[in-house]
Amino acid sequence: GYKTKKTNFSNPLRFELSRNQVIGLLSDIKNTPTSKRLMTSFWNYNDVQEKALQECAWSTQWHVRDGYLDLMLIQRSVDIGLGWCFNVFQYKALQILVAHCTGYKPGRFIHQMGCVQYYDRHEKDLLNLLQAPEYSEPKLILNDKGLDFFSYNWEDFTVTDYNYGPFIPMEVAI
């Protein structure tokens, strides 16, 4: 297996895993692309009582198809007002990066959501948002600097064709 190396990260639960899932996933996509075990899981039952908030997005499954890398994100709970758009963006960025570093094109992004909810205090804003103009999807571009997954950070992405309406502030709830 892949052993996790301790570093100066603040979360001690990070090191409870017996396998570094990112390294394993990248290796498995490259070496066994037809595997049905191209997955990650962030859920650790032993940690449930120690966390104030459990992972909302908790699992991914990857599928190589005709030169494309598809990603399915499984999410147990989704705040449609604030969390959903962020989760789609961050996992699409992850899909683009993993596809690039493993030699594939980004494919389909499938988002399986369990409990999709909004908070009462967001209802008026969300109803107004439903009446707002629709904009085309922006493009998320990875600025290529090689195949080393761990050499990338958020600054290596460029967002283009991003059109938006007025800012709608909503209070975060936990």
N, C-alpha and C. Protein backbone atom coordinates (compact mmCIF):
# COMPACT_ATOMS: atom_id res chain seq x y z
N GLY A 1 0.81 -1.19 0.00
CA GLY A 1 0.00 0.00 0.00
C GLY A 1 0.85 1.24 0.00
N TYR A 2 0.17 2.36 -0.05
CA TYR A 2 0.81 3.66 -0.04
C TYR A 2 0.73 4.20 1.38
N LYS A 3 1.85 4.48 1.99
CA LYS A 3 1.89 5.03 3.35
C LYS A 3 1.91 6.55 3.27
N THR A 4 1.16 7.17 4.14
CA THR A 4 1.14 8.62 4.18
C THR A 4 2.31 9.12 5.01
N LYS A 5 2.98 10.12 4.51
CA LYS A 5 4.13 10.70 5.20
C LYS A 5 3.64 11.87 6.04
N LYS A 6 4.03 11.90 7.30
CA LYS A 6 3.64 13.01 8.17
C LYS A 6 4.41 14.28 7.79
N THR A 7 3.66 15.38 7.74
CA THR A 7 4.28 16.68 7.50
C THR A 7 3.73 17.64 8.55
N ASN A 8 3.86 18.91 8.35
CA ASN A 8 3.42 19.88 9.34
C ASN A 8 1.98 20.34 9.14
N PHE A 9 1.12 19.50 8.61
CA PHE A 9 -0.29 19.86 8.47
C PHE A 9 -0.94 19.85 9.84
N SER A 10 -1.94 20.68 10.03
CA SER A 10 -2.54 20.82 11.36
C SER A 10 -3.56 19.73 11.69
N ASN A 11 -4.09 19.00 10.74
CA ASN A 11 -5.13 18.02 11.00
C ASN A 11 -4.53 16.63 11.22
N PRO A 12 -4.51 16.14 12.47
CA PRO A 12 -3.92 14.82 12.72
C PRO A 12 -4.72 13.69 12.08
N LEU A 13 -6.01 13.88 11.82
CA LEU A 13 -6.82 12.83 11.22
C LEU A 13 -6.39 12.55 9.78
N ARG A 14 -5.70 13.49 9.17
CA ARG A 14 -5.21 13.33 7.80
C ARG A 14 -4.32 12.10 7.67
N PHE A 15 -3.67 11.69 8.73
CA PHE A 15 -2.67 10.63 8.67
C PHE A 15 -3.20 9.28 9.12
N GLU A 16 -4.50 9.17 9.31
CA GLU A 16 -5.10 7.91 9.71
C GLU A 16 -5.25 6.97 8.52
N LEU A 17 -5.11 7.47 7.32
CA LEU A 17 -5.30 6.64 6.13
C LEU A 17 -4.11 5.73 5.92
N SER A 18 -4.36 4.53 5.43
CA SER A 18 -3.27 3.60 5.16
C SER A 18 -2.73 3.79 3.75
N ARG A 19 -3.38 4.61 2.97
CA ARG A 19 -3.00 4.79 1.58
C ARG A 19 -3.22 6.25 1.19
N ASN A 20 -2.27 6.84 0.50
CA ASN A 20 -2.47 8.18 -0.02
C ASN A 20 -3.36 8.02 -1.25
N GLN A 21 -4.60 8.45 -1.12
CA GLN A 21 -5.59 8.20 -2.17
C GLN A 21 -5.28 8.94 -3.46
N VAL A 22 -4.68 10.11 -3.39
CA VAL A 22 -4.37 10.86 -4.61
C VAL A 22 -3.28 10.14 -5.40
N ILE A 23 -2.20 9.78 -4.72
CA ILE A 23 -1.13 9.06 -5.40
C ILE A 23 -1.65 7.75 -5.98
N GLY A 24 -2.44 7.03 -5.20
CA GLY A 24 -3.02 5.77 -5.66
C GLY A 24 -3.93 5.95 -6.85
N LEU A 25 -4.79 6.98 -6.81
CA LEU A 25 -5.71 7.24 -7.91
C LEU A 25 -4.95 7.56 -9.19
N LEU A 26 -3.98 8.45 -9.12
CA LEU A 26 -3.21 8.82 -10.31
C LEU A 26 -2.51 7.60 -10.90
N SER A 27 -1.90 6.80 -10.04
CA SER A 27 -1.21 5.59 -10.49
C SER A 27 -2.19 4.60 -11.13
N ASP A 28 -3.33 4.40 -10.49
CA ASP A 28 -4.30 3.44 -11.01
C ASP A 28 -4.89 3.90 -12.35
N ILE A 29 -5.15 5.20 -12.51
CA ILE A 29 -5.68 5.69 -13.79
C ILE A 29 -4.65 5.46 -14.89
N LYS A 30 -3.39 5.71 -14.59
CA LYS A 30 -2.33 5.52 -15.60
C LYS A 30 -2.10 4.04 -15.91
N ASN A 31 -2.08 3.20 -14.89
CA ASN A 31 -1.67 1.80 -15.06
C ASN A 31 -2.80 0.81 -15.27
N THR A 32 -3.98 1.10 -14.77
CA THR A 32 -5.13 0.20 -14.94
C THR A 32 -6.38 1.02 -15.26
N PRO A 33 -6.37 1.71 -16.40
CA PRO A 33 -7.46 2.64 -16.72
C PRO A 33 -8.84 1.98 -16.87
N THR A 34 -8.89 0.68 -17.08
CA THR A 34 -10.20 0.02 -17.20
C THR A 34 -10.73 -0.47 -15.86
N SER A 35 -10.01 -0.22 -14.78
CA SER A 35 -10.44 -0.66 -13.46
C SER A 35 -11.75 0.01 -13.07
N LYS A 36 -12.56 -0.73 -12.35
CA LYS A 36 -13.81 -0.17 -11.80
C LYS A 36 -13.58 0.29 -10.37
N ARG A 37 -12.30 0.35 -9.96
CA ARG A 37 -11.93 0.75 -8.59
C ARG A 37 -11.21 2.10 -8.56
N LEU A 38 -11.45 2.94 -9.53
CA LEU A 38 -10.83 4.26 -9.57
C LEU A 38 -11.68 5.19 -8.70
N MET A 39 -11.45 5.15 -7.41
CA MET A 39 -12.30 5.87 -6.46
C MET A 39 -11.47 6.52 -5.36
N THR A 40 -12.07 7.51 -4.72
CA THR A 40 -11.56 8.07 -3.47
C THR A 40 -12.72 8.15 -2.50
N SER A 41 -12.42 8.11 -1.22
CA SER A 41 -13.45 8.28 -0.19
C SER A 41 -12.86 9.10 0.93
N PHE A 42 -13.59 10.12 1.34
CA PHE A 42 -13.14 11.00 2.41
C PHE A 42 -13.83 10.65 3.73
N TRP A 43 -14.72 9.67 3.69
CA TRP A 43 -15.49 9.31 4.87
C TRP A 43 -14.70 8.31 5.70
N ASN A 44 -14.50 8.62 6.95
CA ASN A 44 -13.83 7.70 7.87
C ASN A 44 -14.74 7.56 9.08
N TYR A 45 -15.41 6.44 9.17
CA TYR A 45 -16.41 6.22 10.22
C TYR A 45 -15.82 6.44 11.62
N ASN A 46 -14.55 6.10 11.79
CA ASN A 46 -13.93 6.27 13.11
C ASN A 46 -13.84 7.72 13.54
N ASP A 47 -13.92 8.65 12.61
CA ASP A 47 -13.80 10.08 12.93
C ASP A 47 -15.14 10.78 13.14
N VAL A 48 -16.24 10.08 12.94
CA VAL A 48 -17.56 10.72 12.95
C VAL A 48 -17.80 11.52 14.22
N GLN A 49 -17.50 10.96 15.36
CA GLN A 49 -17.78 11.64 16.63
C GLN A 49 -16.79 12.78 16.93
N GLU A 50 -15.66 12.81 16.24
CA GLU A 50 -14.64 13.81 16.52
C GLU A 50 -14.76 15.08 15.66
N LYS A 51 -15.67 15.07 14.69
CA LYS A 51 -15.77 16.19 13.77
C LYS A 51 -17.05 16.99 14.02
N ALA A 52 -16.94 18.30 13.91
CA ALA A 52 -18.12 19.15 14.05
C ALA A 52 -19.02 19.01 12.82
N LEU A 53 -18.42 18.82 11.66
CA LEU A 53 -19.18 18.69 10.43
C LEU A 53 -18.56 17.59 9.58
N GLN A 54 -19.37 16.64 9.21
CA GLN A 54 -18.88 15.55 8.36
C GLN A 54 -18.72 16.06 6.92
N GLU A 55 -17.91 15.37 6.16
CA GLU A 55 -17.70 15.72 4.77
C GLU A 55 -19.03 15.73 4.04
N CYS A 56 -19.30 16.78 3.31
CA CYS A 56 -20.52 16.83 2.48
C CYS A 56 -20.24 16.11 1.16
N ALA A 57 -19.19 16.52 0.48
CA ALA A 57 -18.73 15.79 -0.72
C ALA A 57 -17.79 14.74 -0.19
N TRP A 58 -18.16 13.47 -0.31
CA TRP A 58 -17.40 12.45 0.42
C TRP A 58 -16.80 11.35 -0.44
N SER A 59 -17.12 11.30 -1.72
CA SER A 59 -16.59 10.20 -2.53
C SER A 59 -16.52 10.62 -4.00
N THR A 60 -15.53 10.07 -4.68
CA THR A 60 -15.44 10.26 -6.13
C THR A 60 -15.25 8.90 -6.79
N GLN A 61 -15.75 8.79 -8.00
CA GLN A 61 -15.50 7.62 -8.83
C GLN A 61 -15.11 8.13 -10.20
N TRP A 62 -14.08 7.52 -10.76
CA TRP A 62 -13.50 7.97 -12.02
C TRP A 62 -13.65 6.87 -13.06
N HIS A 63 -13.84 7.26 -14.32
CA HIS A 63 -14.03 6.28 -15.39
C HIS A 63 -13.34 6.78 -16.65
N VAL A 64 -12.45 5.95 -17.20
CA VAL A 64 -11.77 6.29 -18.46
C VAL A 64 -12.62 5.78 -19.61
N ARG A 65 -12.91 6.68 -20.57
CA ARG A 65 -13.80 6.35 -21.68
C ARG A 65 -13.30 7.02 -22.94
N ASP A 66 -12.81 6.22 -23.89
CA ASP A 66 -12.42 6.73 -25.21
C ASP A 66 -11.53 7.97 -25.15
N GLY A 67 -10.52 7.95 -24.30
CA GLY A 67 -9.60 9.08 -24.20
C GLY A 67 -10.05 10.18 -23.26
N TYR A 68 -11.19 10.00 -22.62
CA TYR A 68 -11.73 10.98 -21.69
C TYR A 68 -11.75 10.41 -20.28
N LEU A 69 -11.66 11.29 -19.29
CA LEU A 69 -11.74 10.90 -17.90
C LEU A 69 -13.00 11.51 -17.30
N ASP A 70 -13.97 10.65 -17.01
CA ASP A 70 -15.22 11.09 -16.39
C ASP A 70 -15.05 11.08 -14.87
N LEU A 71 -15.79 11.95 -14.21
CA LEU A 71 -15.77 12.03 -12.75
C LEU A 71 -17.19 12.05 -12.23
N MET A 72 -17.46 11.18 -11.26
CA MET A 72 -18.73 11.24 -10.54
C MET A 72 -18.41 11.64 -9.10
N LEU A 73 -19.02 12.72 -8.67
CA LEU A 73 -18.89 13.20 -7.31
C LEU A 73 -20.13 12.77 -6.54
N ILE A 74 -19.94 12.17 -5.38
CA ILE A 74 -21.06 11.77 -4.54
C ILE A 74 -21.05 12.67 -3.32
N GLN A 75 -22.17 13.33 -3.11
CA GLN A 75 -22.26 14.32 -2.04
C GLN A 75 -23.48 14.01 -1.19
N ARG A 76 -23.31 13.94 0.13
CA ARG A 76 -24.41 13.57 1.02
C ARG A 76 -25.34 14.74 1.32
N SER A 77 -24.80 15.96 1.32
CA SER A 77 -25.57 17.13 1.70
C SER A 77 -25.10 18.32 0.87
N VAL A 78 -26.05 19.07 0.33
CA VAL A 78 -25.71 20.19 -0.57
C VAL A 78 -26.53 21.42 -0.20
N ASP A 79 -25.86 22.49 0.17
CA ASP A 79 -26.49 23.79 0.37
C ASP A 79 -26.58 24.43 -1.01
N ILE A 80 -27.76 24.45 -1.58
CA ILE A 80 -27.93 24.88 -2.98
C ILE A 80 -27.61 26.37 -3.16
N GLY A 81 -27.76 27.16 -2.10
CA GLY A 81 -27.49 28.59 -2.21
C GLY A 81 -26.02 28.94 -2.24
N LEU A 82 -25.22 28.24 -1.46
CA LEU A 82 -23.81 28.59 -1.33
C LEU A 82 -22.85 27.47 -1.72
N GLY A 83 -23.13 26.26 -1.32
CA GLY A 83 -22.17 25.18 -1.50
C GLY A 83 -22.13 24.58 -2.89
N TRP A 84 -23.28 24.42 -3.51
CA TRP A 84 -23.37 23.69 -4.77
C TRP A 84 -22.45 24.27 -5.85
N CYS A 85 -22.54 25.57 -6.07
CA CYS A 85 -21.73 26.18 -7.15
C CYS A 85 -20.24 26.05 -6.85
N PHE A 86 -19.85 26.16 -5.59
CA PHE A 86 -18.45 26.00 -5.22
C PHE A 86 -18.00 24.56 -5.45
N ASN A 87 -18.83 23.59 -5.05
CA ASN A 87 -18.46 22.18 -5.23
C ASN A 87 -18.31 21.82 -6.70
N VAL A 88 -19.20 22.30 -7.54
CA VAL A 88 -19.09 22.02 -8.98
C VAL A 88 -17.78 22.60 -9.51
N PHE A 89 -17.47 23.83 -9.14
CA PHE A 89 -16.24 24.46 -9.61
C PHE A 89 -15.00 23.70 -9.14
N GLN A 90 -14.92 23.39 -7.84
CA GLN A 90 -13.71 22.77 -7.31
C GLN A 90 -13.50 21.36 -7.85
N TYR A 91 -14.57 20.60 -8.03
CA TYR A 91 -14.40 19.24 -8.54
C TYR A 91 -14.20 19.21 -10.04
N LYS A 92 -14.73 20.17 -10.75
CA LYS A 92 -14.43 20.27 -12.18
C LYS A 92 -12.95 20.63 -12.36
N ALA A 93 -12.44 21.52 -11.52
CA ALA A 93 -11.01 21.86 -11.57
C ALA A 93 -10.16 20.62 -11.25
N LEU A 94 -10.58 19.85 -10.26
CA LEU A 94 -9.86 18.62 -9.93
C LEU A 94 -9.89 17.64 -11.10
N GLN A 95 -11.04 17.51 -11.74
CA GLN A 95 -11.16 16.61 -12.89
C GLN A 95 -10.23 17.04 -14.02
N ILE A 96 -10.19 18.33 -14.30
CA ILE A 96 -9.31 18.84 -15.35
C ILE A 96 -7.85 18.53 -15.02
N LEU A 97 -7.46 18.74 -13.77
CA LEU A 97 -6.07 18.51 -13.37
C LEU A 97 -5.71 17.02 -13.40
N VAL A 98 -6.57 16.17 -12.87
CA VAL A 98 -6.28 14.73 -12.87
C VAL A 98 -6.24 14.21 -14.31
N ALA A 99 -7.17 14.65 -15.14
CA ALA A 99 -7.16 14.23 -16.55
C ALA A 99 -5.85 14.64 -17.21
N HIS A 100 -5.44 15.87 -17.02
CA HIS A 100 -4.20 16.35 -17.62
C HIS A 100 -3.00 15.52 -17.16
N CYS A 101 -2.89 15.29 -15.86
CA CYS A 101 -1.73 14.60 -15.30
C CYS A 101 -1.71 13.11 -15.61
N THR A 102 -2.81 12.56 -16.09
CA THR A 102 -2.86 11.14 -16.44
C THR A 102 -2.97 10.91 -17.94
N GLY A 103 -2.97 11.99 -18.72
CA GLY A 103 -2.95 11.85 -20.18
C GLY A 103 -4.31 11.74 -20.84
N TYR A 104 -5.36 12.22 -20.18
CA TYR A 104 -6.70 12.15 -20.75
C TYR A 104 -7.29 13.55 -20.90
N LYS A 105 -8.38 13.64 -21.63
CA LYS A 105 -9.15 14.87 -21.71
C LYS A 105 -10.24 14.79 -20.64
N PRO A 106 -10.62 15.93 -20.06
CA PRO A 106 -11.72 15.90 -19.10
C PRO A 106 -13.01 15.49 -19.80
N GLY A 107 -13.71 14.56 -19.21
CA GLY A 107 -14.96 14.06 -19.79
C GLY A 107 -16.17 14.59 -19.05
N ARG A 108 -17.12 13.71 -18.84
CA ARG A 108 -18.37 14.09 -18.17
C ARG A 108 -18.13 14.30 -16.68
N PHE A 109 -18.86 15.25 -16.13
CA PHE A 109 -18.89 15.46 -14.68
C PHE A 109 -20.30 15.12 -14.22
N ILE A 110 -20.41 14.10 -13.39
CA ILE A 110 -21.70 13.65 -12.88
C ILE A 110 -21.72 13.98 -11.40
N HIS A 111 -22.79 14.59 -10.94
CA HIS A 111 -22.87 15.03 -9.54
C HIS A 111 -24.09 14.37 -8.90
N GLN A 112 -23.83 13.39 -8.05
CA GLN A 112 -24.90 12.71 -7.32
C GLN A 112 -25.06 13.39 -5.97
N MET A 113 -26.24 13.97 -5.75
CA MET A 113 -26.48 14.73 -4.53
C MET A 113 -27.56 14.06 -3.70
N GLY A 114 -27.30 13.91 -2.40
CA GLY A 114 -28.26 13.29 -1.49
C GLY A 114 -29.29 14.31 -1.04
N CYS A 115 -29.04 14.93 0.08
CA CYS A 115 -29.96 15.92 0.66
C CYS A 115 -29.61 17.30 0.10
N VAL A 116 -30.44 17.77 -0.81
CA VAL A 116 -30.25 19.11 -1.38
C VAL A 116 -31.20 20.04 -0.65
N GLN A 117 -30.64 21.07 -0.01
CA GLN A 117 -31.48 21.95 0.81
C GLN A 117 -31.07 23.40 0.66
N TYR A 118 -31.93 24.26 1.14
CA TYR A 118 -31.58 25.66 1.28
C TYR A 118 -32.08 26.11 2.64
N TYR A 119 -31.59 27.22 3.10
CA TYR A 119 -31.97 27.74 4.39
C TYR A 119 -33.04 28.82 4.21
N ASP A 120 -33.98 28.89 5.17
CA ASP A 120 -35.09 29.84 5.07
C ASP A 120 -34.62 31.25 4.78
N ARG A 121 -33.53 31.65 5.41
CA ARG A 121 -33.05 33.03 5.22
C ARG A 121 -32.52 33.28 3.80
N HIS A 122 -32.32 32.21 3.01
CA HIS A 122 -31.86 32.36 1.62
C HIS A 122 -33.01 32.28 0.62
N GLU A 123 -34.20 31.92 1.06
CA GLU A 123 -35.29 31.64 0.13
C GLU A 123 -35.61 32.81 -0.81
N LYS A 124 -35.75 34.00 -0.29
CA LYS A 124 -36.08 35.16 -1.13
C LYS A 124 -35.00 35.38 -2.19
N ASP A 125 -33.73 35.32 -1.79
CA ASP A 125 -32.64 35.52 -2.74
C ASP A 125 -32.62 34.43 -3.81
N LEU A 126 -32.86 33.19 -3.41
CA LEU A 126 -32.86 32.09 -4.38
C LEU A 126 -34.03 32.20 -5.36
N LEU A 127 -35.19 32.63 -4.88
CA LEU A 127 -36.34 32.83 -5.78
C LEU A 127 -36.04 33.95 -6.77
N ASN A 128 -35.39 35.01 -6.31
CA ASN A 128 -34.99 36.09 -7.21
C ASN A 128 -33.96 35.59 -8.23
N LEU A 129 -33.06 34.74 -7.78
CA LEU A 129 -32.03 34.19 -8.67
C LEU A 129 -32.66 33.37 -9.80
N LEU A 130 -33.75 32.67 -9.50
CA LEU A 130 -34.44 31.88 -10.53
C LEU A 130 -35.01 32.78 -11.64
N GLN A 131 -35.27 34.03 -11.33
CA GLN A 131 -35.81 34.97 -12.31
C GLN A 131 -34.71 35.74 -13.05
N ALA A 132 -33.49 35.60 -12.60
CA ALA A 132 -32.36 36.34 -13.19
C ALA A 132 -31.99 35.76 -14.55
N PRO A 133 -31.33 36.55 -15.38
CA PRO A 133 -30.89 36.04 -16.68
C PRO A 133 -29.92 34.87 -16.51
N GLU A 134 -29.94 33.98 -17.48
CA GLU A 134 -29.00 32.85 -17.49
C GLU A 134 -27.78 33.23 -18.31
N TYR A 135 -26.63 32.77 -17.88
CA TYR A 135 -25.39 33.04 -18.60
C TYR A 135 -24.80 31.72 -19.07
N SER A 136 -24.03 31.79 -20.15
CA SER A 136 -23.37 30.58 -20.63
C SER A 136 -22.27 30.18 -19.64
N GLU A 137 -21.93 28.91 -19.68
CA GLU A 137 -20.92 28.37 -18.77
C GLU A 137 -19.55 28.96 -19.09
N PRO A 138 -18.82 29.42 -18.06
CA PRO A 138 -17.46 29.92 -18.31
C PRO A 138 -16.52 28.76 -18.63
N LYS A 139 -15.35 29.10 -19.11
CA LYS A 139 -14.33 28.09 -19.40
C LYS A 139 -13.29 28.11 -18.29
N LEU A 140 -12.90 26.92 -17.85
CA LEU A 140 -11.87 26.76 -16.85
C LEU A 140 -10.68 26.12 -17.54
N ILE A 141 -9.57 26.85 -17.60
CA ILE A 141 -8.40 26.41 -18.36
C ILE A 141 -7.23 26.19 -17.42
N LEU A 142 -6.59 25.04 -17.56
CA LEU A 142 -5.39 24.72 -16.78
C LEU A 142 -4.18 25.23 -17.54
N ASN A 143 -3.38 26.04 -16.89
CA ASN A 143 -2.14 26.53 -17.49
C ASN A 143 -1.08 25.44 -17.32
N ASP A 144 -0.76 24.77 -18.39
CA ASP A 144 0.10 23.58 -18.36
C ASP A 144 1.50 23.91 -17.88
N LYS A 145 1.91 23.20 -16.83
CA LYS A 145 3.30 23.31 -16.40
C LYS A 145 3.87 21.93 -16.10
N GLY A 146 3.40 20.94 -16.84
CA GLY A 146 3.93 19.59 -16.69
C GLY A 146 2.91 18.61 -16.17
N LEU A 147 3.38 17.40 -15.84
CA LEU A 147 2.49 16.33 -15.43
C LEU A 147 2.53 16.03 -13.94
N ASP A 148 3.28 16.80 -13.16
CA ASP A 148 3.36 16.57 -11.72
C ASP A 148 2.16 17.20 -11.02
N PHE A 149 1.21 16.38 -10.64
CA PHE A 149 -0.02 16.82 -10.00
C PHE A 149 0.26 17.76 -8.82
N PHE A 150 1.24 17.42 -8.03
CA PHE A 150 1.51 18.17 -6.80
C PHE A 150 2.23 19.50 -7.03
N SER A 151 2.60 19.81 -8.26
CA SER A 151 3.25 21.09 -8.53
C SER A 151 2.23 22.19 -8.85
N TYR A 152 0.95 21.83 -8.95
CA TYR A 152 -0.10 22.79 -9.32
C TYR A 152 -0.76 23.40 -8.09
N ASN A 153 -1.27 24.62 -8.28
CA ASN A 153 -2.12 25.24 -7.26
C ASN A 153 -3.20 26.04 -7.97
N TRP A 154 -4.04 26.72 -7.22
CA TRP A 154 -5.19 27.41 -7.80
C TRP A 154 -4.78 28.48 -8.80
N GLU A 155 -3.61 29.04 -8.66
CA GLU A 155 -3.15 30.09 -9.58
C GLU A 155 -2.85 29.54 -10.98
N ASP A 156 -2.79 28.23 -11.12
CA ASP A 156 -2.51 27.61 -12.42
C ASP A 156 -3.76 27.42 -13.27
N PHE A 157 -4.89 27.91 -12.80
CA PHE A 157 -6.14 27.87 -13.55
C PHE A 157 -6.53 29.28 -13.99
N THR A 158 -7.10 29.37 -15.16
CA THR A 158 -7.63 30.63 -15.66
C THR A 158 -9.10 30.43 -15.98
N VAL A 159 -9.92 31.36 -15.56
CA VAL A 159 -11.35 31.33 -15.88
C VAL A 159 -11.59 32.39 -16.95
N THR A 160 -12.21 31.97 -18.06
CA THR A 160 -12.53 32.91 -19.13
C THR A 160 -14.02 32.86 -19.43
N ASP A 161 -14.50 33.86 -20.12
CA ASP A 161 -15.92 33.94 -20.52
C ASP A 161 -16.85 33.82 -19.32
N TYR A 162 -16.47 34.43 -18.20
CA TYR A 162 -17.27 34.37 -16.99
C TYR A 162 -18.16 35.61 -16.92
N ASN A 163 -19.43 35.42 -17.18
CA ASN A 163 -20.41 36.50 -17.10
C ASN A 163 -21.29 36.25 -15.89
N TYR A 164 -21.69 37.32 -15.22
CA TYR A 164 -22.45 37.16 -13.99
C TYR A 164 -23.33 38.37 -13.75
N GLY A 165 -24.29 38.17 -12.88
CA GLY A 165 -25.20 39.24 -12.49
C GLY A 165 -24.73 39.91 -11.22
N PRO A 166 -25.63 40.66 -10.59
CA PRO A 166 -25.25 41.37 -9.36
C PRO A 166 -24.94 40.39 -8.22
N PHE A 167 -24.05 40.81 -7.34
CA PHE A 167 -23.68 40.03 -6.17
C PHE A 167 -24.89 39.85 -5.26
N ILE A 168 -25.12 38.62 -4.82
CA ILE A 168 -26.21 38.32 -3.90
C ILE A 168 -25.59 37.74 -2.63
N PRO A 169 -25.47 38.53 -1.56
CA PRO A 169 -24.85 38.01 -0.35
C PRO A 169 -25.79 37.04 0.38
N MET A 170 -25.25 35.92 0.84
CA MET A 170 -26.01 34.96 1.64
C MET A 170 -25.12 34.53 2.79
N GLU A 171 -25.70 34.47 3.98
CA GLU A 171 -24.96 34.09 5.17
C GLU A 171 -24.68 32.59 5.16
N VAL A 172 -23.45 32.23 5.50
CA VAL A 172 -23.07 30.82 5.58
C VAL A 172 -23.67 30.23 6.84
N ALA A 173 -24.18 29.01 6.74
CA ALA A 173 -24.75 28.30 7.89
C ALA A 173 -24.08 26.94 8.03
N ILE A 174 -23.78 26.57 9.24
CA ILE A 174 -23.21 25.24 9.51
C ILE A 174 -24.15 24.48 10.42
